[in-house]
C-alpha atoms as a PDB file:
ATOM      1  CA  UNK A   1      11.102  26.210   8.736  1.00  0.00           C
ATOM      2  CA  UNK A   2      12.780  25.239  12.523  1.00  0.00           C
ATOM      3  CA  UNK A   3      14.742  21.534  12.354  1.00  0.00           C
ATOM      4  CA  UNK A   4      15.899  22.606  16.147  1.00  0.00           C
ATOM      5  CA  UNK A   5      13.821  18.893  16.751  1.00  0.00           C
ATOM      6  CA  UNK A   6      15.072  17.397  13.329  1.00  0.00           C
ATOM      7  CA  UNK A   7      15.462  13.474  13.549  1.00  0.00           C
ATOM      8  CA  UNK A   8      18.378  11.648  11.765  1.00  0.00           C
ATOM      9  CA  UNK A   9      17.486   9.153   9.229  1.00  0.00           C
ATOM     10  CA  UNK A  10      17.198   5.690  11.021  1.00  0.00           C
ATOM     11  CA  UNK A  11      20.389   4.282   8.883  1.00  0.00           C
ATOM     12  CA  UNK A  12      23.640   5.473   8.666  1.00  0.00           C
ATOM     13  CA  UNK A  13      26.767   4.695   7.122  1.00  0.00           C
ATOM     14  CA  UNK A  14      30.053   5.953   8.326  1.00  0.00           C
ATOM     15  CA  UNK A  15      33.877   5.797   6.919  1.00  0.00           C
ATOM     16  CA  UNK A  16      36.710   4.739   9.520  1.00  0.00           C
ATOM     17  CA  UNK A  17      36.663   8.446  10.325  1.00  0.00           C
ATOM     18  CA  UNK A  18      32.991   8.743  11.580  1.00  0.00           C
ATOM     19  CA  UNK A  19      31.699  10.268   8.641  1.00  0.00           C
ATOM     20  CA  UNK A  20      29.102   9.825   6.342  1.00  0.00           C
ATOM     21  CA  UNK A  21      30.275   8.213   2.720  1.00  0.00           C
ATOM     22  CA  UNK A  22      28.014   8.614  -0.626  1.00  0.00           C
ATOM     23  CA  UNK A  23      29.182   7.099  -4.046  1.00  0.00           C
ATOM     24  CA  UNK A  24      29.534  10.310  -6.114  1.00  0.00           C
ATOM     25  CA  UNK A  25      28.892  10.278  -9.928  1.00  0.00           C
ATOM     26  CA  UNK A  26      30.885  11.489 -12.483  1.00  0.00           C
ATOM     27  CA  UNK A  27      30.690  15.316 -13.067  1.00  0.00           C
ATOM     28  CA  UNK A  28      27.392  16.517 -15.159  1.00  0.00           C
ATOM     29  CA  UNK A  29      26.287  13.202 -14.299  1.00  0.00           C
ATOM     30  CA  UNK A  30      22.501  12.339 -12.702  1.00  0.00           C
ATOM     31  CA  UNK A  31      20.053  15.306 -10.468  1.00  0.00           C
ATOM     32  CA  UNK A  32      21.148  17.503  -7.905  1.00  0.00           C
ATOM     33  CA  UNK A  33      19.494  15.959  -4.412  1.00  0.00           C
ATOM     34  CA  UNK A  34      17.559  18.688  -3.561  1.00  0.00           C
ATOM     35  CA  UNK A  35      15.901  19.356  -6.572  1.00  0.00           C
ATOM     36  CA  UNK A  36      14.733  15.393  -6.511  1.00  0.00           C
ATOM     37  CA  UNK A  37      13.446  16.119  -3.664  1.00  0.00           C
ATOM     38  CA  UNK A  38      11.650  19.370  -4.639  1.00  0.00           C
ATOM     39  CA  UNK A  39      10.407  17.244  -7.659  1.00  0.00           C
ATOM     40  CA  UNK A  40       9.198  14.471  -5.165  1.00  0.00           C
ATOM     41  CA  UNK A  41       6.879  17.222  -3.155  1.00  0.00           C
ATOM     42  CA  UNK A  42       9.125  16.670  -0.192  1.00  0.00           C
ATOM     43  CA  UNK A  43       9.699  20.317   0.161  1.00  0.00           C
ATOM     44  CA  UNK A  44      10.857  23.570  -1.279  1.00  0.00           C
ATOM     45  CA  UNK A  45      15.012  23.199  -2.731  1.00  0.00           C
ATOM     46  CA  UNK A  46      15.526  25.671   0.030  1.00  0.00           C
ATOM     47  CA  UNK A  47      13.646  23.512   2.642  1.00  0.00           C
ATOM     48  CA  UNK A  48      15.308  20.237   1.249  1.00  0.00           C
ATOM     49  CA  UNK A  49      18.801  21.770   2.170  1.00  0.00           C
ATOM     50  CA  UNK A  50      18.007  22.628   5.351  1.00  0.00           C
ATOM     51  CA  UNK A  51      17.105  18.867   5.581  1.00  0.00           C
ATOM     52  CA  UNK A  52      20.024  17.750   4.210  1.00  0.00           C
ATOM     53  CA  UNK A  53      22.302  19.899   6.600  1.00  0.00           C
ATOM     54  CA  UNK A  54      20.329  18.034   9.815  1.00  0.00           C
ATOM     55  CA  UNK A  55      20.887  14.772   8.681  1.00  0.00           C
ATOM     56  CA  UNK A  56      17.296  13.928   7.669  1.00  0.00           C
ATOM     57  CA  UNK A  57      17.840  12.722   4.557  1.00  0.00           C
ATOM     58  CA  UNK A  58      19.556   9.532   3.164  1.00  0.00           C
ATOM     59  CA  UNK A  59      20.624   7.948   0.025  1.00  0.00           C
ATOM     60  CA  UNK A  60      21.231   3.992  -1.032  1.00  0.00           C
ATOM     61  CA  UNK A  61      21.298   3.861   3.351  1.00  0.00           C
ATOM     62  CA  UNK A  62      24.042   6.642   3.996  1.00  0.00           C
ATOM     63  CA  UNK A  63      22.940  10.127   5.467  1.00  0.00           C
ATOM     64  CA  UNK A  64      24.077  12.740   3.261  1.00  0.00           C
ATOM     65  CA  UNK A  65      25.025  15.912   4.434  1.00  0.00           C
ATOM     66  CA  UNK A  66      26.743  17.672   1.973  1.00  0.00           C
ATOM     67  CA  UNK A  67      24.831  19.878  -0.903  1.00  0.00           C
ATOM     68  CA  UNK A  68      24.974  19.281  -4.405  1.00  0.00           C
ATOM     69  CA  UNK A  69      25.008  15.370  -4.196  1.00  0.00           C
ATOM     70  CA  UNK A  70      24.009  14.555  -7.698  1.00  0.00           C
ATOM     71  CA  UNK A  71      21.883  10.764  -7.767  1.00  0.00           C
ATOM     72  CA  UNK A  72      20.309   8.473 -10.192  1.00  0.00           C
ATOM     73  CA  UNK A  73      16.394   8.905  -9.462  1.00  0.00           C
ATOM     74  CA  UNK A  74      16.379   5.537 -11.496  1.00  0.00           C
ATOM     75  CA  UNK A  75      18.270   3.585  -9.325  1.00  0.00           C
ATOM     76  CA  UNK A  76      18.540   5.567  -5.944  1.00  0.00           C
ATOM     77  CA  UNK A  77      16.880   4.697  -3.011  1.00  0.00           C
ATOM     78  CA  UNK A  78      16.005   8.206  -1.119  1.00  0.00           C
ATOM     79  CA  UNK A  79      14.640   8.181   2.547  1.00  0.00           C
ATOM     80  CA  UNK A  80      13.434  11.365   4.531  1.00  0.00           C
ATOM     81  CA  UNK A  81      13.150  10.668   8.297  1.00  0.00           C
ATOM     82  CA  UNK A  82      13.639   6.875   7.714  1.00  0.00           C
ATOM     83  CA  UNK A  83      10.564   7.009   5.152  1.00  0.00           C
ATOM     84  CA  UNK A  84      11.301   5.946   1.839  1.00  0.00           C
ATOM     85  CA  UNK A  85      10.906   8.478  -1.102  1.00  0.00           C
ATOM     86  CA  UNK A  86       9.264   8.053  -4.436  1.00  0.00           C
ATOM     87  CA  UNK A  87      11.568  10.048  -6.899  1.00  0.00           C
ATOM     88  CA  UNK A  88      11.517   8.243 -10.416  1.00  0.00           C
ATOM     89  CA  UNK A  89       8.527  10.011 -12.956  1.00  0.00           C
ATOM     90  CA  UNK A  90       6.886   7.339 -14.155  1.00  0.00           C
ATOM     91  CA  UNK A  91       6.129   5.423 -10.959  1.00  0.00           C
ATOM     92  CA  UNK A  92       2.543   5.146 -10.635  1.00  0.00           C
ATOM     93  CA  UNK A  93       0.248   4.186  -7.317  1.00  0.00           C
ATOM     94  CA  UNK A  94      -3.374   4.628  -7.744  1.00  0.00           C
ATOM     95  CA  UNK A  95      -6.140   3.438  -5.301  1.00  0.00           C
ATOM     96  CA  UNK A  96      -9.074   2.130  -7.007  1.00  0.00           C
ATOM     97  CA  UNK A  97     -12.363   1.857  -5.381  1.00  0.00           C
ATOM     98  CA  UNK A  98     -13.542  -0.671  -7.547  1.00  0.00           C
ATOM     99  CA  UNK A  99     -17.623  -1.164  -7.627  1.00  0.00           C
ATOM    100  CA  UNK A 100     -19.533  -4.071  -7.509  1.00  0.00           C
ATOM    101  CA  UNK A 101     -19.794  -6.330 -10.321  1.00  0.00           C
ATOM    102  CA  UNK A 102     -16.597  -5.066 -11.724  1.00  0.00           C
ATOM    103  CA  UNK A 103     -14.023  -7.543 -12.483  1.00  0.00           C
ATOM    104  CA  UNK A 104     -10.649  -7.314 -11.246  1.00  0.00           C
ATOM    105  CA  UNK A 105      -8.996  -7.175 -14.442  1.00  0.00           C
ATOM    106  CA  UNK A 106      -7.125  -5.504 -16.926  1.00  0.00           C
ATOM    107  CA  UNK A 107      -9.425  -6.557 -19.912  1.00  0.00           C
ATOM    108  CA  UNK A 108     -12.268  -9.013 -19.810  1.00  0.00           C
ATOM    109  CA  UNK A 109     -13.191 -11.759 -22.713  1.00  0.00           C
ATOM    110  CA  UNK A 110     -16.780 -11.677 -22.101  1.00  0.00           C
ATOM    111  CA  UNK A 111     -16.742  -7.648 -22.132  1.00  0.00           C
ATOM    112  CA  UNK A 112     -18.143  -7.587 -18.775  1.00  0.00           C
ATOM    113  CA  UNK A 113     -17.066  -4.143 -16.929  1.00  0.00           C
ATOM    114  CA  UNK A 114     -13.591  -4.493 -15.289  1.00  0.00           C
ATOM    115  CA  UNK A 115     -10.736  -2.551 -13.887  1.00  0.00           C
ATOM    116  CA  UNK A 116      -9.140  -1.731 -16.929  1.00  0.00           C
ATOM    117  CA  UNK A 117     -12.189  -0.139 -18.352  1.00  0.00           C
ATOM    118  CA  UNK A 118     -11.182   2.603 -15.424  1.00  0.00           C
ATOM    119  CA  UNK A 119      -7.722   2.760 -16.673  1.00  0.00           C
ATOM    120  CA  UNK A 120      -7.988   2.439 -20.156  1.00  0.00           C
ATOM    121  CA  UNK A 121      -6.804   6.709 -20.689  1.00  0.00           C
ATOM    122  CA  UNK A 122      -4.059   5.810 -18.679  1.00  0.00           C
ATOM    123  CA  UNK A 123      -3.473   2.350 -20.457  1.00  0.00           C
ATOM    124  CA  UNK A 124      -3.342   4.145 -23.852  1.00  0.00           C
ATOM    125  CA  UNK A 125      -0.882   6.316 -23.027  1.00  0.00           C
ATOM    126  CA  UNK A 126       1.735   4.103 -22.324  1.00  0.00           C
ATOM    127  CA  UNK A 127       1.246   3.387 -18.322  1.00  0.00           C
ATOM    128  CA  UNK A 128       1.425  -0.458 -17.436  1.00  0.00           C
ATOM    129  CA  UNK A 129      -0.359  -1.088 -14.628  1.00  0.00           C
ATOM    130  CA  UNK A 130      -0.503  -4.024 -12.257  1.00  0.00           C
ATOM    131  CA  UNK A 131      -3.500  -4.749  -9.785  1.00  0.00           C
ATOM    132  CA  UNK A 132      -2.352  -5.548  -6.603  1.00  0.00           C
ATOM    133  CA  UNK A 133      -4.040  -8.672  -5.469  1.00  0.00           C
ATOM    134  CA  UNK A 134      -8.051  -9.067  -6.864  1.00  0.00           C
ATOM    135  CA  UNK A 135     -11.470  -8.470  -5.744  1.00  0.00           C
ATOM    136  CA  UNK A 136     -14.830 -10.928  -6.918  1.00  0.00           C
ATOM    137  CA  UNK A 137     -16.604  -9.313  -8.842  1.00  0.00           C
ATOM    138  CA  UNK A 138     -19.666  -9.861  -5.765  1.00  0.00           C
ATOM    139  CA  UNK A 139     -16.721  -7.624  -3.064  1.00  0.00           C
ATOM    140  CA  UNK A 140     -16.398  -3.446  -3.995  1.00  0.00           C
ATOM    141  CA  UNK A 141     -13.409  -1.409  -2.337  1.00  0.00           C
ATOM    142  CA  UNK A 142     -10.189  -0.960  -2.233  1.00  0.00           C
ATOM    143  CA  UNK A 143      -7.817  -1.937  -4.922  1.00  0.00           C
ATOM    144  CA  UNK A 144      -4.352  -0.939  -4.942  1.00  0.00           C
ATOM    145  CA  UNK A 145      -2.698  -0.416  -9.035  1.00  0.00           C
ATOM    146  CA  UNK A 146       0.766   0.573  -9.681  1.00  0.00           C
ATOM    147  CA  UNK A 147       3.560  -0.016 -12.309  1.00  0.00           C
ATOM    148  CA  UNK A 148       5.933  -0.863  -9.169  1.00  0.00           C
ATOM    149  CA  UNK A 149       6.076  -4.343  -9.590  1.00  0.00           C
ATOM    150  CA  UNK A 150       8.403  -4.674  -7.144  1.00  0.00           C
ATOM    151  CA  UNK A 151       6.276  -3.132  -4.459  1.00  0.00           C
ATOM    152  CA  UNK A 152       3.185  -5.157  -6.121  1.00  0.00           C
ATOM    153  CA  UNK A 153       5.070  -8.779  -6.085  1.00  0.00           C
ATOM    154  CA  UNK A 154       5.786  -7.959  -2.115  1.00  0.00           C
ATOM    155  CA  UNK A 155       2.250  -6.524  -1.187  1.00  0.00           C
ATOM    156  CA  UNK A 156       1.149  -9.863  -2.566  1.00  0.00           C
ATOM    157  CA  UNK A 157       3.271 -12.239  -1.323  1.00  0.00           C
ATOM    158  CA  UNK A 158       2.301 -13.966   2.100  1.00  0.00           C
ATOM    159  CA  UNK A 159       5.518 -13.691   3.810  1.00  0.00           C
ATOM    160  CA  UNK A 160       5.154 -10.134   4.505  1.00  0.00           C
ATOM    161  CA  UNK A 161       1.862 -10.470   6.243  1.00  0.00           C
ATOM    162  CA  UNK A 162       0.175  -7.426   4.842  1.00  0.00           C
ATOM    163  CA  UNK A 163      -3.313  -6.972   6.605  1.00  0.00           C
ATOM    164  CA  UNK A 164      -6.529  -6.615   4.395  1.00  0.00           C
ATOM    165  CA  UNK A 165      -9.787  -5.344   6.205  1.00  0.00           C
ATOM    166  CA  UNK A 166     -13.414  -6.075   5.003  1.00  0.00           C
ATOM    167  CA  UNK A 167     -16.396  -4.816   6.286  1.00  0.00           C
ATOM    168  CA  UNK A 168     -18.960  -7.424   5.971  1.00  0.00           C
ATOM    169  CA  UNK A 169     -22.798  -7.488   6.130  1.00  0.00           C
ATOM    170  CA  UNK A 170     -23.667 -11.185   7.142  1.00  0.00           C
ATOM    171  CA  UNK A 171     -26.906 -13.544   7.718  1.00  0.00           C
ATOM    172  CA  UNK A 172     -27.371 -13.688  11.239  1.00  0.00           C
ATOM    173  CA  UNK A 173     -27.079 -11.955  14.535  1.00  0.00           C
ATOM    174  CA  UNK A 174     -23.451 -12.840  15.308  1.00  0.00           C
ATOM    175  CA  UNK A 175     -22.006 -13.814  18.748  1.00  0.00           C
ATOM    176  CA  UNK A 176     -18.926 -11.694  18.771  1.00  0.00           C
ATOM    177  CA  UNK A 177     -16.897 -13.727  21.598  1.00  0.00           C
ATOM    178  CA  UNK A 178     -17.982 -17.242  19.849  1.00  0.00           C
ATOM    179  CA  UNK A 179     -17.299 -16.166  16.640  1.00  0.00           C
ATOM    180  CA  UNK A 180     -14.607 -14.567  17.071  1.00  0.00           C
ATOM    181  CA  UNK A 181     -12.944 -17.184  18.880  1.00  0.00           C
ATOM    182  CA  UNK A 182     -13.612 -19.534  15.855  1.00  0.00           C
ATOM    183  CA  UNK A 183     -12.221 -17.019  13.134  1.00  0.00           C
ATOM    184  CA  UNK A 184      -8.852 -16.404  15.105  1.00  0.00           C
ATOM    185  CA  UNK A 185      -8.310 -19.938  16.306  1.00  0.00           C
ATOM    186  CA  UNK A 186      -8.621 -21.138  12.644  1.00  0.00           C
ATOM    187  CA  UNK A 187     -11.317 -22.540  10.797  1.00  0.00           C
ATOM    188  CA  UNK A 188     -10.413 -25.969   8.509  1.00  0.00           C
ATOM    189  CA  UNK A 189     -11.608 -25.074   4.798  1.00  0.00           C
ATOM    190  CA  UNK A 190     -11.329 -27.611   1.826  1.00  0.00           C
ATOM    191  CA  UNK A 191      -7.589 -26.170   1.012  1.00  0.00           C
ATOM    192  CA  UNK A 192      -6.570 -26.516   4.632  1.00  0.00           C
ATOM    193  CA  UNK A 193      -6.853 -24.273   8.174  1.00  0.00           C
ATOM    194  CA  UNK A 194      -7.378 -20.636   7.868  1.00  0.00           C
ATOM    195  CA  UNK A 195      -7.719 -17.882  10.394  1.00  0.00           C
ATOM    196  CA  UNK A 196      -8.732 -14.149  11.160  1.00  0.00           C
ATOM    197  CA  UNK A 197      -5.999 -11.603  12.753  1.00  0.00           C
ATOM    198  CA  UNK A 198      -9.245  -9.674  13.904  1.00  0.00           C
ATOM    199  CA  UNK A 199     -12.195  -9.612  14.147  1.00  0.00           C
ATOM    200  CA  UNK A 200     -15.021  -7.337  15.461  1.00  0.00           C
ATOM    201  CA  UNK A 201     -19.013  -7.144  15.505  1.00  0.00           C
ATOM    202  CA  UNK A 202     -20.114  -3.931  14.453  1.00  0.00           C
ATOM    203  CA  UNK A 203     -23.947  -3.814  14.463  1.00  0.00           C
ATOM    204  CA  UNK A 204     -26.792  -6.195  14.929  1.00  0.00           C
ATOM    205  CA  UNK A 205     -30.120  -6.450  14.297  1.00  0.00           C
ATOM    206  CA  UNK A 206     -33.099  -7.557  12.218  1.00  0.00           C
ATOM    207  CA  UNK A 207     -31.187 -11.174  11.393  1.00  0.00           C
ATOM    208  CA  UNK A 208     -28.520  -9.643  10.100  1.00  0.00           C
ATOM    209  CA  UNK A 209     -24.654  -8.245  11.101  1.00  0.00           C
ATOM    210  CA  UNK A 210     -22.265  -5.779  10.335  1.00  0.00           C
ATOM    211  CA  UNK A 211     -18.756  -7.338  11.013  1.00  0.00           C
ATOM    212  CA  UNK A 212     -14.919  -6.078  10.240  1.00  0.00           C
ATOM    213  CA  UNK A 213     -12.947  -8.844   9.320  1.00  0.00           C
ATOM    214  CA  UNK A 214      -8.586  -8.124   9.337  1.00  0.00           C
ATOM    215  CA  UNK A 215      -6.813 -10.563   7.976  1.00  0.00           C
ATOM    216  CA  UNK A 216      -3.731 -11.493   5.569  1.00  0.00           C
ATOM    217  CA  UNK A 217      -4.511 -14.531   3.730  1.00  0.00           C
ATOM    218  CA  UNK A 218      -5.005 -14.254  -0.098  1.00  0.00           C
ATOM    219  CA  UNK A 219      -6.901 -17.353  -0.715  1.00  0.00           C
ATOM    220  CA  UNK A 220      -9.975 -17.010  -2.809  1.00  0.00           C
ATOM    221  CA  UNK A 221     -12.880 -15.739  -1.705  1.00  0.00           C
ATOM    222  CA  UNK A 222     -11.389 -16.703   1.825  1.00  0.00           C
ATOM    223  CA  UNK A 223     -13.521 -13.761   3.536  1.00  0.00           C
ATOM    224  CA  UNK A 224     -16.469 -15.194   2.476  1.00  0.00           C
ATOM    225  CA  UNK A 225     -15.441 -18.719   2.572  1.00  0.00           C
ATOM    226  CA  UNK A 226     -14.631 -18.655   5.873  1.00  0.00           C
ATOM    227  CA  UNK A 227     -17.844 -16.283   7.470  1.00  0.00           C
ATOM    228  CA  UNK A 228     -19.933 -19.406   5.842  1.00  0.00           C
ATOM    229  CA  UNK A 229     -17.477 -21.843   7.592  1.00  0.00           C
ATOM    230  CA  UNK A 230     -18.921 -20.491  10.889  1.00  0.00           C
ATOM    231  CA  UNK A 231     -22.220 -20.471   9.993  1.00  0.00           C
ATOM    232  CA  UNK A 232     -22.934 -16.943   8.798  1.00  0.00           C
ATOM    233  CA  UNK A 233     -22.667 -16.593   4.886  1.00  0.00           C
ATOM    234  CA  UNK A 234     -21.500 -13.041   3.682  1.00  0.00           C
ATOM    235  CA  UNK A 235     -24.560 -10.849   1.819  1.00  0.00           C
ATOM    236  CA  UNK A 236     -22.442  -8.039   1.056  1.00  0.00           C
ATOM    237  CA  UNK A 237     -18.512  -7.410   1.619  1.00  0.00           C
ATOM    238  CA  UNK A 238     -16.277  -4.127   1.170  1.00  0.00           C
ATOM    239  CA  UNK A 239     -12.743  -3.994   1.317  1.00  0.00           C
ATOM    240  CA  UNK A 240     -11.732  -0.741   3.139  1.00  0.00           C
ATOM    241  CA  UNK A 241      -7.593  -1.562   3.639  1.00  0.00           C
ATOM    242  CA  UNK A 242      -4.816  -2.803   2.123  1.00  0.00           C
ATOM    243  CA  UNK A 243      -2.367  -2.427   4.558  1.00  0.00           C
ATOM    244  CA  UNK A 244      -1.951   1.530   5.997  1.00  0.00           C
ATOM    245  CA  UNK A 245      -3.825   2.686   2.928  1.00  0.00           C
ATOM    246  CA  UNK A 246      -7.768   3.461   3.924  1.00  0.00           C
ATOM    247  CA  UNK A 247     -10.244   3.733   1.133  1.00  0.00           C
ATOM    248  CA  UNK A 248     -11.895   6.720   3.443  1.00  0.00           C
ATOM    249  CA  UNK A 249     -15.496   8.154   1.822  1.00  0.00           C
ATOM    250  CA  UNK A 250     -13.746   7.730  -2.129  1.00  0.00           C
ATOM    251  CA  UNK A 251     -16.564   6.915  -4.292  1.00  0.00           C
ATOM    252  CA  UNK A 252     -17.590   3.619  -6.163  1.00  0.00           C
ATOM    253  CA  UNK A 253     -15.428   3.597  -9.950  1.00  0.00           C
ATOM    254  CA  UNK A 254     -13.103   6.634  -8.446  1.00  0.00           C
ATOM    255  CA  UNK A 255      -9.138   6.821  -8.783  1.00  0.00           C
ATOM    256  CA  UNK A 256      -6.948   8.739  -6.810  1.00  0.00           C
ATOM    257  CA  UNK A 257      -3.196   9.673  -6.628  1.00  0.00           C
ATOM    258  CA  UNK A 258      -1.872   7.943  -2.964  1.00  0.00           C
ATOM    259  CA  UNK A 259      -0.097  10.904  -1.376  1.00  0.00           C
ATOM    260  CA  UNK A 260       3.959  10.422  -0.876  1.00  0.00           C
ATOM    261  CA  UNK A 261       3.699   9.442   3.016  1.00  0.00           C
ATOM    262  CA  UNK A 262       1.103   6.859   1.844  1.00  0.00           C
ATOM    263  CA  UNK A 263       3.853   5.566  -0.504  1.00  0.00           C
ATOM    264  CA  UNK A 264       6.472   5.922   2.291  1.00  0.00           C
ATOM    265  CA  UNK A 265       3.934   3.595   4.298  1.00  0.00           C
ATOM    266  CA  UNK A 266       3.238   0.792   1.700  1.00  0.00           C
ATOM    267  CA  UNK A 267       7.433   0.471   1.261  1.00  0.00           C
ATOM    268  CA  UNK A 268       8.126   0.020   5.087  1.00  0.00           C
ATOM    269  CA  UNK A 269       5.139  -2.290   5.607  1.00  0.00           C
ATOM    270  CA  UNK A 270       6.539  -4.403   2.862  1.00  0.00           C
ATOM    271  CA  UNK A 271      10.729  -3.601   3.475  1.00  0.00           C
ATOM    272  CA  UNK A 272      11.601  -1.720   0.758  1.00  0.00           C
END
């Protein structure tokens, strides 16, 4: 593996002599850093050692260049090239394509189909999963599931402004310039003003339009209410992105585990 172009981790703390420092665990405790990186799927142990030598790995905000450092995967924050790496074995990060007609809940008192039905085996095995936000029953598309409470909280908190992208089929042939300006400037709804970050008309024809809406609002039915307010009621609605995570060609009702890079981008989006 060539490391001549290796870049250092983004945050580096040094001692008075200019060397990176790192709190050490008592002898025999924790796991060796290169083993933790290998288990997390970053690289083989040998390549992980090369990464450490090149200054590409940091633990708890400090660049590590010492081989054999032991860390506690339960508490350590590990980054490679500035991107956080998930090192806790029990952490779960899933993307679900929620089908239309399904509830965004883990159980339903009326026995309607719900997200909990799709992950029933995981829950029975002891995993405690949160759904990150909701989609109403008539909306399909991307819903994130995790047992990482800190990440879930931040993704849902409005202060982090994590964007969501939707494709909406609406009634009427939409004028991109006029409707887009209205939605970007803001529309007064019954619970206060709301606006989109981006708006684009993708297709127009036969009395309908396909539009793309990007916003970070989290209020109930916000996309439907905004489009209705500008005279274009929604016929069908799909969420295609949550922040950096894309639905892609994932089939309705299926789950997939997020990749290491995707998880790192989610952490970055909410400053974790």
